[in-house]
Amino acid sequence: MAVPKRKTSKARRDKRRAHDALSAPATSTCPQCGAPKPPHRVCGSCGTYKGRTILEIADD
């Protein structure tokens, strides 16, 4: 069974984990209502995309 000859240093261990960080999802503002929404998606609060109404949102 293969066993490491030397202890892996903290620097070498952490270099390997450098790409594991999560990034926050991108958001843009809706030009119609100003609510935050993902880019290139229909707005969840007003239902518009590129100035056109795609979804009818019920007002409760």
PDB file of N, CA and C in Angstrom:
ATOM      1  N   MET A   1       0.837  -1.174   0.000  1.00  0.00           N
ATOM      2  CA  MET A   1       0.000   0.000   0.000  1.00  0.00           C
ATOM      3  C   MET A   1       0.884   1.240   0.000  1.00  0.00           C
ATOM      4  N   ALA A   2       0.558   2.201  -0.883  1.00  0.00           N
ATOM      5  CA  ALA A   2       1.378   3.404  -1.013  1.00  0.00           C
ATOM      6  C   ALA A   2       1.081   4.373   0.120  1.00  0.00           C
ATOM      7  N   VAL A   3       2.149   4.864   0.744  1.00  0.00           N
ATOM      8  CA  VAL A   3       2.031   5.808   1.852  1.00  0.00           C
ATOM      9  C   VAL A   3       2.951   6.988   1.556  1.00  0.00           C
ATOM     10  N   PRO A   4       2.505   8.237   1.782  1.00  0.00           N
ATOM     11  CA  PRO A   4       3.383   9.386   1.539  1.00  0.00           C
ATOM     12  C   PRO A   4       4.620   9.335   2.430  1.00  0.00           C
ATOM     13  N   LYS A   5       5.774   9.700   1.847  1.00  0.00           N
ATOM     14  CA  LYS A   5       7.018   9.685   2.607  1.00  0.00           C
ATOM     15  C   LYS A   5       7.135  10.909   3.507  1.00  0.00           C
ATOM     16  N   ARG A   6       6.542  12.033   3.097  1.00  0.00           N
ATOM     17  CA  ARG A   6       6.601  13.277   3.867  1.00  0.00           C
ATOM     18  C   ARG A   6       5.203  13.833   4.059  1.00  0.00           C
ATOM     19  N   LYS A   7       5.049  14.614   5.126  1.00  0.00           N
ATOM     20  CA  LYS A   7       3.772  15.287   5.394  1.00  0.00           C
ATOM     21  C   LYS A   7       3.543  16.385   4.348  1.00  0.00           C
ATOM     22  N   THR A   8       2.331  16.472   3.837  1.00  0.00           N
ATOM     23  CA  THR A   8       1.992  17.549   2.900  1.00  0.00           C
ATOM     24  C   THR A   8       1.889  18.857   3.676  1.00  0.00           C
ATOM     25  N   SER A   9       2.637  19.853   3.233  1.00  0.00           N
ATOM     26  CA  SER A   9       2.646  21.138   3.944  1.00  0.00           C
ATOM     27  C   SER A   9       1.315  21.860   3.751  1.00  0.00           C
ATOM     28  N   LYS A  10       1.059  22.821   4.635  1.00  0.00           N
ATOM     29  CA  LYS A  10      -0.189  23.583   4.553  1.00  0.00           C
ATOM     30  C   LYS A  10      -0.260  24.377   3.258  1.00  0.00           C
ATOM     31  N   ALA A  11       0.863  24.912   2.827  1.00  0.00           N
ATOM     32  CA  ALA A  11       0.882  25.706   1.593  1.00  0.00           C
ATOM     33  C   ALA A  11       0.532  24.841   0.382  1.00  0.00           C
ATOM     34  N   ARG A  12       1.117  23.658   0.316  1.00  0.00           N
ATOM     35  CA  ARG A  12       0.843  22.769  -0.817  1.00  0.00           C
ATOM     36  C   ARG A  12      -0.596  22.271  -0.781  1.00  0.00           C
ATOM     37  N   ARG A  13      -1.097  21.976   0.402  1.00  0.00           N
ATOM     38  CA  ARG A  13      -2.483  21.519   0.557  1.00  0.00           C
ATOM     39  C   ARG A  13      -3.468  22.620   0.139  1.00  0.00           C
ATOM     40  N   ASP A  14      -3.193  23.860   0.584  1.00  0.00           N
ATOM     41  CA  ASP A  14      -4.110  24.960   0.300  1.00  0.00           C
ATOM     42  C   ASP A  14      -4.045  25.401  -1.160  1.00  0.00           C
ATOM     43  N   LYS A  15      -2.903  25.199  -1.828  1.00  0.00           N
ATOM     44  CA  LYS A  15      -2.822  25.506  -3.260  1.00  0.00           C
ATOM     45  C   LYS A  15      -3.774  24.616  -4.041  1.00  0.00           C
ATOM     46  N   ARG A  16      -3.891  23.400  -3.622  1.00  0.00           N
ATOM     47  CA  ARG A  16      -4.764  22.449  -4.303  1.00  0.00           C
ATOM     48  C   ARG A  16      -6.235  22.836  -4.138  1.00  0.00           C
ATOM     49  N   ARG A  17      -6.561  23.511  -3.049  1.00  0.00           N
ATOM     50  CA  ARG A  17      -7.943  23.892  -2.760  1.00  0.00           C
ATOM     51  C   ARG A  17      -8.258  25.321  -3.204  1.00  0.00           C
ATOM     52  N   ALA A  18      -7.394  25.938  -3.984  1.00  0.00           N
ATOM     53  CA  ALA A  18      -7.567  27.342  -4.357  1.00  0.00           C
ATOM     54  C   ALA A  18      -8.779  27.567  -5.253  1.00  0.00           C
ATOM     55  N   HIS A  19      -9.226  26.566  -5.984  1.00  0.00           N
ATOM     56  CA  HIS A  19     -10.315  26.729  -6.942  1.00  0.00           C
ATOM     57  C   HIS A  19     -11.654  26.263  -6.385  1.00  0.00           C
ATOM     58  N   ASP A  20     -11.730  25.934  -5.113  1.00  0.00           N
ATOM     59  CA  ASP A  20     -12.959  25.393  -4.532  1.00  0.00           C
ATOM     60  C   ASP A  20     -13.910  26.468  -4.013  1.00  0.00           C
ATOM     61  N   ALA A  21     -13.514  27.730  -4.026  1.00  0.00           N
ATOM     62  CA  ALA A  21     -14.354  28.790  -3.467  1.00  0.00           C
ATOM     63  C   ALA A  21     -15.571  29.010  -4.358  1.00  0.00           C
ATOM     64  N   LEU A  22     -16.707  29.307  -3.748  1.00  0.00           N
ATOM     65  CA  LEU A  22     -17.938  29.580  -4.474  1.00  0.00           C
ATOM     66  C   LEU A  22     -18.036  31.076  -4.767  1.00  0.00           C
ATOM     67  N   SER A  23     -18.569  31.413  -5.928  1.00  0.00           N
ATOM     68  CA  SER A  23     -18.774  32.821  -6.258  1.00  0.00           C
ATOM     69  C   SER A  23     -20.262  33.133  -6.185  1.00  0.00           C
ATOM     70  N   ALA A  24     -20.580  34.373  -5.885  1.00  0.00           N
ATOM     71  CA  ALA A  24     -21.973  34.794  -5.784  1.00  0.00           C
ATOM     72  C   ALA A  24     -22.598  34.821  -7.178  1.00  0.00           C
ATOM     73  N   PRO A  25     -23.869  34.421  -7.301  1.00  0.00           N
ATOM     74  CA  PRO A  25     -24.501  34.457  -8.621  1.00  0.00           C
ATOM     75  C   PRO A  25     -24.663  35.888  -9.115  1.00  0.00           C
ATOM     76  N   ALA A  26     -24.542  36.073 -10.415  1.00  0.00           N
ATOM     77  CA  ALA A  26     -24.646  37.404 -11.008  1.00  0.00           C
ATOM     78  C   ALA A  26     -26.093  37.872 -10.980  1.00  0.00           C
ATOM     79  N   THR A  27     -26.297  39.147 -10.707  1.00  0.00           N
ATOM     80  CA  THR A  27     -27.636  39.724 -10.724  1.00  0.00           C
ATOM     81  C   THR A  27     -27.607  41.037 -11.489  1.00  0.00           C
ATOM     82  N   SER A  28     -28.734  41.344 -12.106  1.00  0.00           N
ATOM     83  CA  SER A  28     -28.927  42.632 -12.746  1.00  0.00           C
ATOM     84  C   SER A  28     -30.276  43.169 -12.304  1.00  0.00           C
ATOM     85  N   THR A  29     -30.546  44.405 -12.607  1.00  0.00           N
ATOM     86  CA  THR A  29     -31.822  44.981 -12.197  1.00  0.00           C
ATOM     87  C   THR A  29     -32.784  44.973 -13.375  1.00  0.00           C
ATOM     88  N   CYS A  30     -34.041  44.740 -13.084  1.00  0.00           N
ATOM     89  CA  CYS A  30     -35.088  44.743 -14.103  1.00  0.00           C
ATOM     90  C   CYS A  30     -35.348  46.191 -14.517  1.00  0.00           C
ATOM     91  N   PRO A  31     -35.345  46.489 -15.823  1.00  0.00           N
ATOM     92  CA  PRO A  31     -35.586  47.874 -16.241  1.00  0.00           C
ATOM     93  C   PRO A  31     -37.035  48.322 -16.022  1.00  0.00           C
ATOM     94  N   GLN A  32     -37.963  47.375 -15.897  1.00  0.00           N
ATOM     95  CA  GLN A  32     -39.371  47.725 -15.709  1.00  0.00           C
ATOM     96  C   GLN A  32     -39.679  48.061 -14.263  1.00  0.00           C
ATOM     97  N   CYS A  33     -39.324  47.140 -13.340  1.00  0.00           N
ATOM     98  CA  CYS A  33     -39.712  47.319 -11.936  1.00  0.00           C
ATOM     99  C   CYS A  33     -38.536  47.595 -11.013  1.00  0.00           C
ATOM    100  N   GLY A  34     -37.297  47.376 -11.476  1.00  0.00           N
ATOM    101  CA  GLY A  34     -36.126  47.651 -10.660  1.00  0.00           C
ATOM    102  C   GLY A  34     -35.755  46.551  -9.684  1.00  0.00           C
ATOM    103  N   ALA A  35     -36.424  45.412  -9.761  1.00  0.00           N
ATOM    104  CA  ALA A  35     -36.128  44.291  -8.859  1.00  0.00           C
ATOM    105  C   ALA A  35     -34.877  43.562  -9.343  1.00  0.00           C
ATOM    106  N   PRO A  36     -34.091  42.987  -8.419  1.00  0.00           N
ATOM    107  CA  PRO A  36     -32.924  42.205  -8.852  1.00  0.00           C
ATOM    108  C   PRO A  36     -33.369  40.895  -9.498  1.00  0.00           C
ATOM    109  N   LYS A  37     -32.681  40.508 -10.584  1.00  0.00           N
ATOM    110  CA  LYS A  37     -33.005  39.285 -11.306  1.00  0.00           C
ATOM    111  C   LYS A  37     -31.740  38.742 -11.950  1.00  0.00           C
ATOM    112  N   PRO A  38     -31.689  37.454 -12.259  1.00  0.00           N
ATOM    113  CA  PRO A  38     -30.537  36.925 -12.983  1.00  0.00           C
ATOM    114  C   PRO A  38     -30.504  37.488 -14.404  1.00  0.00           C
ATOM    115  N   PRO A  39     -29.332  37.742 -14.966  1.00  0.00           N
ATOM    116  CA  PRO A  39     -29.275  38.276 -16.319  1.00  0.00           C
ATOM    117  C   PRO A  39     -29.791  37.265 -17.347  1.00  0.00           C
ATOM    118  N   HIS A  40     -30.428  37.758 -18.393  1.00  0.00           N
ATOM    119  CA  HIS A  40     -30.961  36.955 -19.497  1.00  0.00           C
ATOM    120  C   HIS A  40     -32.057  36.003 -19.034  1.00  0.00           C
ATOM    121  N   ARG A  41     -32.825  36.403 -18.021  1.00  0.00           N
ATOM    122  CA  ARG A  41     -33.948  35.601 -17.519  1.00  0.00           C
ATOM    123  C   ARG A  41     -35.169  36.500 -17.388  1.00  0.00           C
ATOM    124  N   VAL A  42     -36.334  35.888 -17.361  1.00  0.00           N
ATOM    125  CA  VAL A  42     -37.579  36.628 -17.142  1.00  0.00           C
ATOM    126  C   VAL A  42     -37.600  37.116 -15.699  1.00  0.00           C
ATOM    127  N   CYS A  43     -38.050  38.349 -15.499  1.00  0.00           N
ATOM    128  CA  CYS A  43     -38.132  38.908 -14.151  1.00  0.00           C
ATOM    129  C   CYS A  43     -39.211  38.160 -13.368  1.00  0.00           C
ATOM    130  N   GLY A  44     -38.874  37.744 -12.162  1.00  0.00           N
ATOM    131  CA  GLY A  44     -39.817  36.994 -11.345  1.00  0.00           C
ATOM    132  C   GLY A  44     -40.878  37.852 -10.694  1.00  0.00           C
ATOM    133  N   SER A  45     -40.623  39.160 -10.574  1.00  0.00           N
ATOM    134  CA  SER A  45     -41.600  39.998  -9.887  1.00  0.00           C
ATOM    135  C   SER A  45     -42.599  40.636 -10.849  1.00  0.00           C
ATOM    136  N   CYS A  46     -42.175  41.004 -12.051  1.00  0.00           N
ATOM    137  CA  CYS A  46     -43.125  41.627 -12.989  1.00  0.00           C
ATOM    138  C   CYS A  46     -43.395  40.772 -14.228  1.00  0.00           C
ATOM    139  N   GLY A  47     -42.561  39.778 -14.517  1.00  0.00           N
ATOM    140  CA  GLY A  47     -42.814  38.857 -15.624  1.00  0.00           C
ATOM    141  C   GLY A  47     -42.429  39.383 -16.991  1.00  0.00           C
ATOM    142  N   THR A  48     -41.538  40.370 -17.072  1.00  0.00           N
ATOM    143  CA  THR A  48     -41.146  40.916 -18.365  1.00  0.00           C
ATOM    144  C   THR A  48     -39.744  40.474 -18.736  1.00  0.00           C
ATOM    145  N   TYR A  49     -39.484  40.454 -20.053  1.00  0.00           N
ATOM    146  CA  TYR A  49     -38.149  40.185 -20.578  1.00  0.00           C
ATOM    147  C   TYR A  49     -37.989  40.997 -21.849  1.00  0.00           C
ATOM    148  N   LYS A  50     -36.963  41.820 -21.920  1.00  0.00           N
ATOM    149  CA  LYS A  50     -36.675  42.703 -23.048  1.00  0.00           C
ATOM    150  C   LYS A  50     -37.872  43.579 -23.400  1.00  0.00           C
ATOM    151  N   GLY A  51     -38.538  44.096 -22.390  1.00  0.00           N
ATOM    152  CA  GLY A  51     -39.630  45.026 -22.605  1.00  0.00           C
ATOM    153  C   GLY A  51     -40.966  44.382 -22.938  1.00  0.00           C
ATOM    154  N   ARG A  52     -41.013  43.061 -23.063  1.00  0.00           N
ATOM    155  CA  ARG A  52     -42.264  42.370 -23.385  1.00  0.00           C
ATOM    156  C   ARG A  52     -42.752  41.592 -22.173  1.00  0.00           C
ATOM    157  N   THR A  53     -44.058  41.499 -22.016  1.00  0.00           N
ATOM    158  CA  THR A  53     -44.633  40.716 -20.918  1.00  0.00           C
ATOM    159  C   THR A  53     -44.655  39.259 -21.332  1.00  0.00           C
ATOM    160  N   ILE A  54     -43.935  38.414 -20.583  1.00  0.00           N
ATOM    161  CA  ILE A  54     -43.842  36.990 -20.877  1.00  0.00           C
ATOM    162  C   ILE A  54     -44.770  36.206 -19.949  1.00  0.00           C
ATOM    163  N   LEU A  55     -44.764  36.559 -18.662  1.00  0.00           N
ATOM    164  CA  LEU A  55     -45.578  35.873 -17.666  1.00  0.00           C
ATOM    165  C   LEU A  55     -46.589  36.842 -17.080  1.00  0.00           C
ATOM    166  N   GLU A  56     -47.772  36.360 -16.855  1.00  0.00           N
ATOM    167  CA  GLU A  56     -48.772  37.149 -16.145  1.00  0.00           C
ATOM    168  C   GLU A  56     -48.633  36.854 -14.664  1.00  0.00           C
ATOM    169  N   ILE A  57     -48.250  37.846 -13.878  1.00  0.00           N
ATOM    170  CA  ILE A  57     -48.055  37.689 -12.442  1.00  0.00           C
ATOM    171  C   ILE A  57     -49.330  38.166 -11.740  1.00  0.00           C
ATOM    172  N   ALA A  58     -49.919  37.286 -10.933  1.00  0.00           N
ATOM    173  CA  ALA A  58     -51.140  37.629 -10.209  1.00  0.00           C
ATOM    174  C   ALA A  58     -50.803  38.511  -9.012  1.00  0.00           C
ATOM    175  N   ASP A  59     -51.566  39.575  -8.795  1.00  0.00           N
ATOM    176  CA  ASP A  59     -51.378  40.445  -7.649  1.00  0.00           C
ATOM    177  C   ASP A  59     -52.244  39.943  -6.515  1.00  0.00           C
ATOM    178  N   ASP A  60     -51.598  39.477  -5.463  1.00  0.00           N
ATOM    179  CA  ASP A  60     -52.355  38.962  -4.289  1.00  0.00           C
ATOM    180  C   ASP A  60     -52.303  39.930  -3.150  1.00  0.00           C
TER     181      ASP A  60
END
